[in-house]
C-alpha atoms as a PDB file:
ATOM      1  CA  MET A   1      -3.352   1.525   9.425  1.00  0.00           C
ATOM      2  CA  GLN A   2      -5.578   1.262   6.379  1.00  0.00           C
ATOM      3  CA  ILE A   3      -4.745   2.287   2.822  1.00  0.00           C
ATOM      4  CA  LYS A   4      -6.978   2.399  -0.234  1.00  0.00           C
ATOM      5  CA  PHE A   5      -6.210   1.550  -3.856  1.00  0.00           C
ATOM      6  CA  ALA A   6      -7.898   2.846  -6.979  1.00  0.00           C
ATOM      7  CA  PRO A   7     -10.164   0.169  -8.476  1.00  0.00           C
ATOM      8  CA  ALA A   8      -8.297   0.258 -11.813  1.00  0.00           C
ATOM      9  CA  SER A   9      -5.065  -1.067 -10.229  1.00  0.00           C
ATOM     10  CA  THR A  10      -3.541  -4.155 -11.833  1.00  0.00           C
ATOM     11  CA  ILE A  11      -2.408  -7.146  -9.748  1.00  0.00           C
ATOM     12  CA  ASP A  12       1.215  -6.057 -10.329  1.00  0.00           C
ATOM     13  CA  GLN A  13       0.439  -2.538  -9.079  1.00  0.00           C
ATOM     14  CA  VAL A  14      -1.356  -3.943  -6.027  1.00  0.00           C
ATOM     15  CA  ASN A  15       1.626  -6.160  -5.201  1.00  0.00           C
ATOM     16  CA  GLN A  16       4.066  -3.288  -5.594  1.00  0.00           C
ATOM     17  CA  ILE A  17       2.086  -0.894  -3.395  1.00  0.00           C
ATOM     18  CA  VAL A  18       1.383  -3.522  -0.717  1.00  0.00           C
ATOM     19  CA  SER A  19       5.073  -4.455  -0.651  1.00  0.00           C
ATOM     20  CA  GLN A  20       6.112  -0.820  -0.284  1.00  0.00           C
ATOM     21  CA  ASN A  21       3.566  -0.215   2.489  1.00  0.00           C
ATOM     22  CA  GLU A  22       4.622  -3.329   4.406  1.00  0.00           C
ATOM     23  CA  GLN A  23       8.152  -1.919   4.601  1.00  0.00           C
ATOM     24  CA  ILE A  24       6.792   1.256   6.219  1.00  0.00           C
ATOM     25  CA  THR A  25       3.655   0.276   8.154  1.00  0.00           C
ATOM     26  CA  GLY A  26       4.183  -3.432   8.885  1.00  0.00           C
ATOM     27  CA  PRO A  27       2.612  -6.632   7.555  1.00  0.00           C
ATOM     28  CA  ILE A  28      -0.775  -6.799   5.876  1.00  0.00           C
ATOM     29  CA  THR A  29      -3.534  -8.169   8.124  1.00  0.00           C
ATOM     30  CA  ALA A  30      -6.689  -7.831   5.997  1.00  0.00           C
ATOM     31  CA  MET A  31      -7.904  -6.846   2.538  1.00  0.00           C
ATOM     32  CA  GLY A  32     -11.280  -6.109   1.054  1.00  0.00           C
ATOM     33  CA  ASN A  33     -13.199  -3.234  -0.500  1.00  0.00           C
ATOM     34  CA  ASP A  34     -15.474  -0.407   0.546  1.00  0.00           C
ATOM     35  CA  GLY A  35     -17.598  -0.594  -2.607  1.00  0.00           C
ATOM     36  CA  THR A  36     -15.487   2.039  -4.339  1.00  0.00           C
ATOM     37  CA  ASN A  37     -11.832   1.221  -3.600  1.00  0.00           C
ATOM     38  CA  SER A  38      -9.767  -1.761  -2.474  1.00  0.00           C
ATOM     39  CA  THR A  39      -8.764  -1.514   1.188  1.00  0.00           C
ATOM     40  CA  PHE A  40      -5.773  -3.020   2.964  1.00  0.00           C
ATOM     41  CA  ASP A  41      -5.070  -3.073   6.703  1.00  0.00           C
ATOM     42  CA  PHE A  42      -1.534  -3.254   8.080  1.00  0.00           C
ATOM     43  CA  ASP A  43      -0.119  -4.088  11.527  1.00  0.00           C
ATOM     44  CA  ALA A  44       2.504  -1.971  13.275  1.00  0.00           C
ATOM     45  CA  THR A  45       5.037  -4.802  13.545  1.00  0.00           C
ATOM     46  CA  VAL A  46       7.774  -5.311  10.982  1.00  0.00           C
ATOM     47  CA  SER A  47       7.771  -8.297   8.638  1.00  0.00           C
ATOM     48  CA  THR A  48      10.941  -9.742   7.172  1.00  0.00           C
ATOM     49  CA  LEU A  49       9.455 -11.658   4.218  1.00  0.00           C
ATOM     50  CA  PRO A  50       7.429  -9.868   1.512  1.00  0.00           C
ATOM     51  CA  VAL A  51       3.788 -10.777   0.961  1.00  0.00           C
ATOM     52  CA  LYS A  52       2.413 -11.681  -2.471  1.00  0.00           C
ATOM     53  CA  ILE A  53      -1.195 -10.996  -3.527  1.00  0.00           C
ATOM     54  CA  ALA A  54      -2.641 -13.597  -5.910  1.00  0.00           C
ATOM     55  CA  ILE A  55      -5.973 -13.918  -7.680  1.00  0.00           C
ATOM     56  CA  ILE A  56      -7.960 -16.922  -6.485  1.00  0.00           C
ATOM     57  CA  VAL A  57      -8.772 -19.202  -9.423  1.00  0.00           C
ATOM     58  CA  PRO A  58     -11.427 -21.864  -8.721  1.00  0.00           C
ATOM     59  CA  ASN A  59     -10.071 -25.385  -8.189  1.00  0.00           C
ATOM     60  CA  THR A  60      -6.450 -24.222  -7.908  1.00  0.00           C
ATOM     61  CA  SER A  61      -4.210 -23.203  -5.043  1.00  0.00           C
ATOM     62  CA  PRO A  62      -2.992 -19.608  -5.504  1.00  0.00           C
ATOM     63  CA  ALA A  63      -0.234 -19.964  -2.907  1.00  0.00           C
ATOM     64  CA  PRO A  64       2.807 -22.249  -3.196  1.00  0.00           C
ATOM     65  CA  ALA A  65       3.105 -25.148  -0.739  1.00  0.00           C
ATOM     66  CA  SER A  66       6.076 -23.459   0.955  1.00  0.00           C
ATOM     67  CA  SER A  67       4.029 -20.420   2.003  1.00  0.00           C
ATOM     68  CA  THR A  68       1.467 -19.346   4.582  1.00  0.00           C
ATOM     69  CA  SER A  69      -1.837 -17.648   3.776  1.00  0.00           C
ATOM     70  CA  VAL A  70      -2.059 -14.275   5.517  1.00  0.00           C
ATOM     71  CA  CYS A  71      -5.567 -13.162   4.551  1.00  0.00           C
ATOM     72  CA  THR A  72      -8.149 -13.318   1.778  1.00  0.00           C
ATOM     73  CA  GLY A  73     -10.615 -10.785   0.487  1.00  0.00           C
ATOM     74  CA  THR A  74     -12.394  -9.435  -2.542  1.00  0.00           C
ATOM     75  CA  ILE A  75     -10.548  -6.468  -4.032  1.00  0.00           C
ATOM     76  CA  PHE A  76     -10.688  -4.508  -7.261  1.00  0.00           C
ATOM     77  CA  ILE A  77      -8.300  -5.714  -9.967  1.00  0.00           C
ATOM     78  CA  ALA A  78      -8.525  -3.710 -13.202  1.00  0.00           C
ATOM     79  CA  GLY A  79     -11.916  -2.371 -12.105  1.00  0.00           C
ATOM     80  CA  VAL A  80     -13.457  -5.786 -11.355  1.00  0.00           C
ATOM     81  CA  LEU A  81     -14.140  -7.151  -7.857  1.00  0.00           C
ATOM     82  CA  THR A  82     -11.860 -10.196  -7.667  1.00  0.00           C
ATOM     83  CA  PRO A  83     -11.327 -12.757  -4.881  1.00  0.00           C
ATOM     84  CA  CYS A  84      -7.652 -12.702  -3.863  1.00  0.00           C
ATOM     85  CA  THR A  85      -5.363 -14.113  -1.231  1.00  0.00           C
ATOM     86  CA  ALA A  86      -2.202 -12.758   0.356  1.00  0.00           C
ATOM     87  CA  TYR A  87       0.528 -15.262   1.180  1.00  0.00           C
ATOM     88  CA  ARG A  88       4.001 -15.085   2.628  1.00  0.00           C
ATOM     89  CA  PRO A  89       6.876 -17.510   1.975  1.00  0.00           C
ATOM     90  CA  ASN A  90       7.811 -19.677   4.955  1.00  0.00           C
END
């Protein structure tokens, strides 16, 4: 299943909506954009640990050492295309 987000969404709004959708549609499998909106794909299986979306900052690791990267993609954050990663705690 794919959902779309308005490009003006903040990182906190993205995390909240992704978290809510994971509880209904299953874990996130991919993220990106269609040129107008951010897009997120979800799997039909249920995940027990919530995912966290983080902005990728050059020369830093956006995910804690005790987590696993789920996917990366360029999404809109506050109207700007921004490279991000989704990670899940181990």
